[in-house]
């Protein structure tokens, strides 16, 4: 119930942002057509219903769920071939370059997350950031609600949901690990520069295990900065494994594949044992 309340609050904050920020609601002589102005935002129950009615085939599925006005949640869902009622893991894949709006940003799954889980029965949920950082209330609402929908309507093991991402997606995966430990069993941030979470001046512990992969030669997000952040967080009691990606810079996400495959071993042998 508490998770549902959180999801609803996040969704209402998202709708408030849309209604308060959209220039379609400014008064002018050339105002948009009434149907554009008056199109009602969908409730979380309506979006949940629409998700439940999606036709999901084994393999790659790309969807766009309307939420309000001309706003949508665009995401890729890769479904495994399942037998009977078996429950399988869910990997939530957050893409990099979040501030650059790209219609296909969520579709870049082929070189990293897909081969990383090869041989493992699991779902991949890959949302589009819509030109906003993953910390933004709109994206927090999107990710939290899509994960809840997936747990509710798909054959997802709620104890094996993992958030993973690269660059901005790495920062996002650390953020969701920090702020929504009720949803995730682990986080795998890659090429990250996450700003640690403080409350009332006190650094907060991350409640779920993290496997942080950082390039040795990353000049955008230097390794030493991430190493310092990990040390500070570990001092609060956080369970973080830091892996140095030898010889790798920031703009080579596909080359992180061997390290992400090692993270799958960590999940199976340490987190999910």
Protein backbone atom coordinates (compact mmCIF):
# COMPACT_ATOMS: atom_id res chain seq x y z
CA UNK A 1 0.00 0.00 0.00
CA UNK A 2 2.82 2.38 0.85
CA UNK A 3 4.44 1.75 -2.56
CA UNK A 4 1.13 2.51 -4.29
CA UNK A 5 0.73 5.75 -2.34
CA UNK A 6 4.25 6.78 -3.32
CA UNK A 7 3.55 5.98 -6.96
CA UNK A 8 0.33 8.00 -6.88
CA UNK A 9 2.07 11.01 -5.29
CA UNK A 10 4.80 10.87 -7.91
CA UNK A 11 2.24 10.64 -10.68
CA UNK A 12 0.24 13.60 -9.38
CA UNK A 13 3.44 15.64 -9.14
CA UNK A 14 4.15 14.76 -12.76
CA UNK A 15 0.68 15.88 -13.87
CA UNK A 16 1.11 19.12 -11.93
CA UNK A 17 4.37 19.78 -13.75
CA UNK A 18 2.77 19.10 -17.12
CA UNK A 19 -0.21 21.34 -16.46
CA UNK A 20 1.86 24.09 -14.88
CA UNK A 21 4.67 24.15 -17.43
CA UNK A 22 3.08 23.44 -20.80
CA UNK A 23 2.79 26.52 -23.02
CA UNK A 24 -0.47 25.08 -24.39
CA UNK A 25 -2.15 26.49 -21.30
CA UNK A 26 -1.01 30.08 -21.80
CA UNK A 27 -3.74 32.58 -22.70
CA UNK A 28 -3.41 33.99 -26.20
CA UNK A 29 -5.54 34.95 -29.16
CA UNK A 30 -4.09 32.03 -31.06
CA UNK A 31 -4.80 29.47 -28.35
CA UNK A 32 -4.64 25.79 -29.34
CA UNK A 33 -7.81 23.96 -30.25
CA UNK A 34 -10.10 23.23 -27.29
CA UNK A 35 -9.57 19.50 -27.62
CA UNK A 36 -5.84 20.02 -27.03
CA UNK A 37 -6.40 22.24 -23.98
CA UNK A 38 -9.09 20.10 -22.42
CA UNK A 39 -7.61 16.66 -23.01
CA UNK A 40 -7.70 15.20 -19.49
CA UNK A 41 -4.65 13.59 -17.92
CA UNK A 42 -5.10 9.88 -17.41
CA UNK A 43 -5.27 8.52 -13.88
CA UNK A 44 -2.70 6.02 -12.68
CA UNK A 45 -5.46 3.40 -12.75
CA UNK A 46 -6.15 4.16 -16.42
CA UNK A 47 -2.47 3.93 -17.36
CA UNK A 48 -2.21 0.70 -15.36
CA UNK A 49 -5.17 -0.67 -17.32
CA UNK A 50 -3.58 0.33 -20.63
CA UNK A 51 -0.33 -1.38 -19.63
CA UNK A 52 -2.23 -4.55 -18.69
CA UNK A 53 -3.83 -4.62 -22.15
CA UNK A 54 -0.54 -4.46 -24.08
CA UNK A 55 0.24 -7.41 -26.34
CA UNK A 56 3.67 -8.56 -25.21
CA UNK A 57 5.47 -11.06 -27.41
CA UNK A 58 8.65 -12.96 -26.67
CA UNK A 59 11.56 -10.72 -27.69
CA UNK A 60 11.56 -6.98 -28.34
CA UNK A 61 8.40 -4.91 -27.86
CA UNK A 62 8.34 -1.11 -28.20
CA UNK A 63 5.44 0.77 -26.62
CA UNK A 64 4.14 4.29 -26.11
CA UNK A 65 1.61 4.83 -23.31
CA UNK A 66 -0.32 8.14 -23.31
CA UNK A 67 -0.40 9.85 -19.91
CA UNK A 68 -1.61 13.43 -20.45
CA UNK A 69 -2.11 15.92 -23.31
CA UNK A 70 0.61 14.98 -25.83
CA UNK A 71 2.77 13.33 -23.19
CA UNK A 72 3.70 9.64 -23.38
CA UNK A 73 5.81 7.08 -21.62
CA UNK A 74 7.90 5.45 -24.36
CA UNK A 75 9.68 2.25 -23.43
CA UNK A 76 11.11 -1.01 -24.72
CA UNK A 77 10.12 -4.24 -23.04
CA UNK A 78 12.11 -7.35 -23.91
CA UNK A 79 10.33 -10.49 -22.77
CA UNK A 80 11.87 -13.94 -22.28
CA UNK A 81 10.30 -17.22 -23.31
CA UNK A 82 8.68 -18.56 -20.16
CA UNK A 83 7.26 -21.87 -19.05
CA UNK A 84 4.25 -22.08 -16.79
CA UNK A 85 4.13 -19.77 -13.81
CA UNK A 86 7.87 -19.29 -13.29
CA UNK A 87 8.90 -15.83 -12.07
CA UNK A 88 12.03 -14.23 -13.50
CA UNK A 89 14.19 -11.13 -12.85
CA UNK A 90 13.46 -7.69 -14.25
CA UNK A 91 16.30 -5.39 -15.36
CA UNK A 92 15.39 -1.71 -15.59
CA UNK A 93 17.80 -0.22 -18.13
CA UNK A 94 18.37 3.58 -17.97
CA UNK A 95 20.06 5.10 -21.02
CA UNK A 96 22.74 7.80 -21.04
CA UNK A 97 22.53 11.25 -22.60
CA UNK A 98 19.25 11.87 -20.78
CA UNK A 99 19.15 15.62 -21.51
CA UNK A 100 19.26 15.07 -25.27
CA UNK A 101 15.72 14.28 -26.46
CA UNK A 102 15.85 11.26 -28.77
CA UNK A 103 12.82 9.25 -29.82
CA UNK A 104 14.90 6.08 -29.96
CA UNK A 105 17.09 6.56 -26.87
CA UNK A 106 15.38 3.68 -25.04
CA UNK A 107 16.07 1.31 -27.92
CA UNK A 108 19.86 1.16 -27.44
CA UNK A 109 19.85 -2.21 -25.72
CA UNK A 110 21.78 -4.37 -28.20
CA UNK A 111 25.41 -3.91 -27.20
CA UNK A 112 25.26 -3.91 -23.40
CA UNK A 113 22.21 -5.04 -21.41
CA UNK A 114 20.95 -7.65 -23.89
CA UNK A 115 24.22 -9.59 -24.28
CA UNK A 116 24.98 -9.14 -20.57
CA UNK A 117 21.96 -11.26 -19.60
CA UNK A 118 22.31 -13.73 -22.47
CA UNK A 119 21.37 -17.18 -21.22
CA UNK A 120 19.41 -15.75 -18.30
CA UNK A 121 15.62 -15.71 -18.40
CA UNK A 122 14.73 -12.13 -17.53
CA UNK A 123 12.70 -9.13 -18.64
CA UNK A 124 14.37 -5.89 -19.73
CA UNK A 125 12.42 -2.66 -19.24
CA UNK A 126 14.09 0.30 -20.97
CA UNK A 127 12.27 3.67 -20.68
CA UNK A 128 12.96 6.91 -22.55
CA UNK A 129 14.03 9.91 -20.42
CA UNK A 130 12.25 12.38 -22.75
CA UNK A 131 15.04 14.95 -22.49
CA UNK A 132 14.99 15.06 -18.68
CA UNK A 133 17.42 13.74 -16.09
CA UNK A 134 16.37 10.52 -14.40
CA UNK A 135 16.11 12.44 -11.10
CA UNK A 136 13.33 14.61 -12.53
CA UNK A 137 9.93 14.05 -10.91
CA UNK A 138 8.45 13.12 -14.30
CA UNK A 139 11.00 10.35 -14.82
CA UNK A 140 10.78 9.22 -11.21
CA UNK A 141 7.05 8.79 -11.74
CA UNK A 142 7.58 6.99 -15.04
CA UNK A 143 10.14 4.51 -13.73
CA UNK A 144 8.41 3.76 -10.42
CA UNK A 145 5.02 3.23 -12.03
CA UNK A 146 6.31 1.15 -14.93
CA UNK A 147 8.15 -1.11 -12.51
CA UNK A 148 5.03 -1.49 -10.40
CA UNK A 149 2.97 -2.28 -13.51
CA UNK A 150 5.52 -4.89 -14.60
CA UNK A 151 5.52 -6.58 -11.20
CA UNK A 152 1.72 -6.58 -11.18
CA UNK A 153 1.04 -7.80 -14.71
CA UNK A 154 4.12 -9.75 -15.82
CA UNK A 155 5.83 -12.84 -14.46
CA UNK A 156 8.38 -10.78 -12.56
CA UNK A 157 10.00 -11.95 -9.35
CA UNK A 158 9.65 -8.83 -7.13
CA UNK A 159 12.73 -9.93 -5.16
CA UNK A 160 14.92 -9.83 -8.29
CA UNK A 161 14.37 -6.39 -9.78
CA UNK A 162 17.59 -4.57 -10.69
CA UNK A 163 18.20 -1.03 -11.94
CA UNK A 164 21.18 -0.61 -14.26
CA UNK A 165 22.43 2.30 -16.35
CA UNK A 166 25.34 4.03 -18.05
CA UNK A 167 26.48 7.68 -17.62
CA UNK A 168 23.28 9.67 -16.89
CA UNK A 169 21.66 6.25 -16.62
CA UNK A 170 24.35 5.25 -14.12
CA UNK A 171 23.51 8.30 -12.02
CA UNK A 172 19.84 7.39 -12.35
CA UNK A 173 20.42 3.80 -11.28
CA UNK A 174 22.23 4.98 -8.15
CA UNK A 175 19.43 7.50 -7.49
CA UNK A 176 16.69 4.86 -7.68
CA UNK A 177 18.73 2.48 -5.55
CA UNK A 178 18.99 5.26 -2.96
CA UNK A 179 15.39 6.45 -3.05
CA UNK A 180 13.36 3.33 -3.88
CA UNK A 181 14.97 0.35 -2.14
CA UNK A 182 11.47 -1.13 -1.75
CA UNK A 183 11.41 -1.76 -5.52
CA UNK A 184 14.93 -2.96 -6.29
CA UNK A 185 17.16 -5.73 -4.99
CA UNK A 186 20.34 -4.19 -6.39
CA UNK A 187 21.73 -1.37 -8.53
CA UNK A 188 24.47 -1.44 -11.17
CA UNK A 189 25.65 2.11 -11.98
CA UNK A 190 28.24 2.40 -14.77
CA UNK A 191 30.34 5.46 -15.70
CA UNK A 192 28.65 7.39 -12.92
CA UNK A 193 29.06 10.72 -11.13
CA UNK A 194 26.23 10.43 -8.64
CA UNK A 195 25.80 13.17 -6.05
CA UNK A 196 25.34 11.35 -2.76
CA UNK A 197 22.08 11.90 -0.90
CA UNK A 198 22.12 13.99 2.26
CA UNK A 199 19.22 14.67 4.63
CA UNK A 200 19.60 17.44 7.22
CA UNK A 201 23.29 17.50 6.45
CA UNK A 202 23.73 13.77 7.12
CA UNK A 203 24.91 11.42 4.37
CA UNK A 204 22.37 8.66 3.84
CA UNK A 205 23.14 4.96 3.56
CA UNK A 206 22.06 3.14 0.41
CA UNK A 207 19.89 0.27 1.60
CA UNK A 208 20.47 -2.15 -1.29
CA UNK A 209 23.76 -3.54 -2.66
CA UNK A 210 25.47 -1.65 -5.48
CA UNK A 211 27.95 -2.88 -8.08
CA UNK A 212 29.62 0.29 -9.41
CA UNK A 213 31.64 -0.02 -12.63
CA UNK A 214 33.84 2.98 -13.43
CA UNK A 215 36.28 3.53 -16.30
CA UNK A 216 39.91 3.98 -15.31
CA UNK A 217 40.37 6.67 -17.99
CA UNK A 218 37.00 8.39 -17.73
CA UNK A 219 37.73 12.12 -18.04
CA UNK A 220 34.10 13.26 -17.90
CA UNK A 221 33.39 11.42 -14.64
CA UNK A 222 36.87 10.72 -13.23
CA UNK A 223 37.45 7.40 -11.48
CA UNK A 224 38.90 9.08 -8.39
CA UNK A 225 35.71 11.10 -7.86
CA UNK A 226 33.54 7.99 -7.99
CA UNK A 227 35.99 6.16 -5.75
CA UNK A 228 35.70 8.95 -3.15
CA UNK A 229 31.88 8.84 -3.32
CA UNK A 230 31.92 5.08 -2.82
CA UNK A 231 34.25 5.37 0.19
CA UNK A 232 32.01 7.99 1.79
CA UNK A 233 28.89 5.90 1.23
CA UNK A 234 30.53 2.70 2.47
CA UNK A 235 31.45 4.55 5.67
CA UNK A 236 27.70 4.96 6.35
CA UNK A 237 27.18 1.19 6.03
CA UNK A 238 26.35 0.96 2.33
CA UNK A 239 27.21 -2.33 0.60
CA UNK A 240 29.09 -1.24 -2.52
CA UNK A 241 31.46 -3.15 -4.78
CA UNK A 242 33.59 -0.81 -6.91
CA UNK A 243 35.08 -2.22 -10.10
CA UNK A 244 37.71 -0.35 -12.14
CA UNK A 245 37.22 -0.84 -15.89
CA UNK A 246 40.85 -0.95 -16.95
CA UNK A 247 41.79 1.28 -19.87
CA UNK A 248 38.23 2.47 -20.55
CA UNK A 249 37.09 6.08 -20.97
CA UNK A 250 33.57 7.49 -20.90
CA UNK A 251 32.34 7.25 -24.48
CA UNK A 252 32.70 3.49 -24.99
CA UNK A 253 29.64 1.96 -23.29
CA UNK A 254 29.70 -1.25 -25.35
CA UNK A 255 33.20 -2.01 -24.07
CA UNK A 256 31.80 -2.28 -20.55
CA UNK A 257 30.10 -5.57 -21.51
CA UNK A 258 32.62 -7.95 -19.86
CA UNK A 259 32.28 -6.01 -16.61
CA UNK A 260 28.48 -6.06 -16.77
CA UNK A 261 28.61 -9.83 -17.34
CA UNK A 262 30.67 -10.09 -14.15
CA UNK A 263 27.92 -8.12 -12.41
CA UNK A 264 25.45 -10.87 -13.37
CA UNK A 265 27.65 -13.37 -11.53
CA UNK A 266 27.66 -11.03 -8.52
CA UNK A 267 23.86 -10.90 -8.59
CA UNK A 268 23.45 -14.66 -8.71
CA UNK A 269 26.20 -15.57 -6.25
CA UNK A 270 25.90 -12.70 -3.76
CA UNK A 271 22.65 -10.76 -3.97
CA UNK A 272 20.18 -13.50 -4.94
CA UNK A 273 21.78 -16.47 -3.22
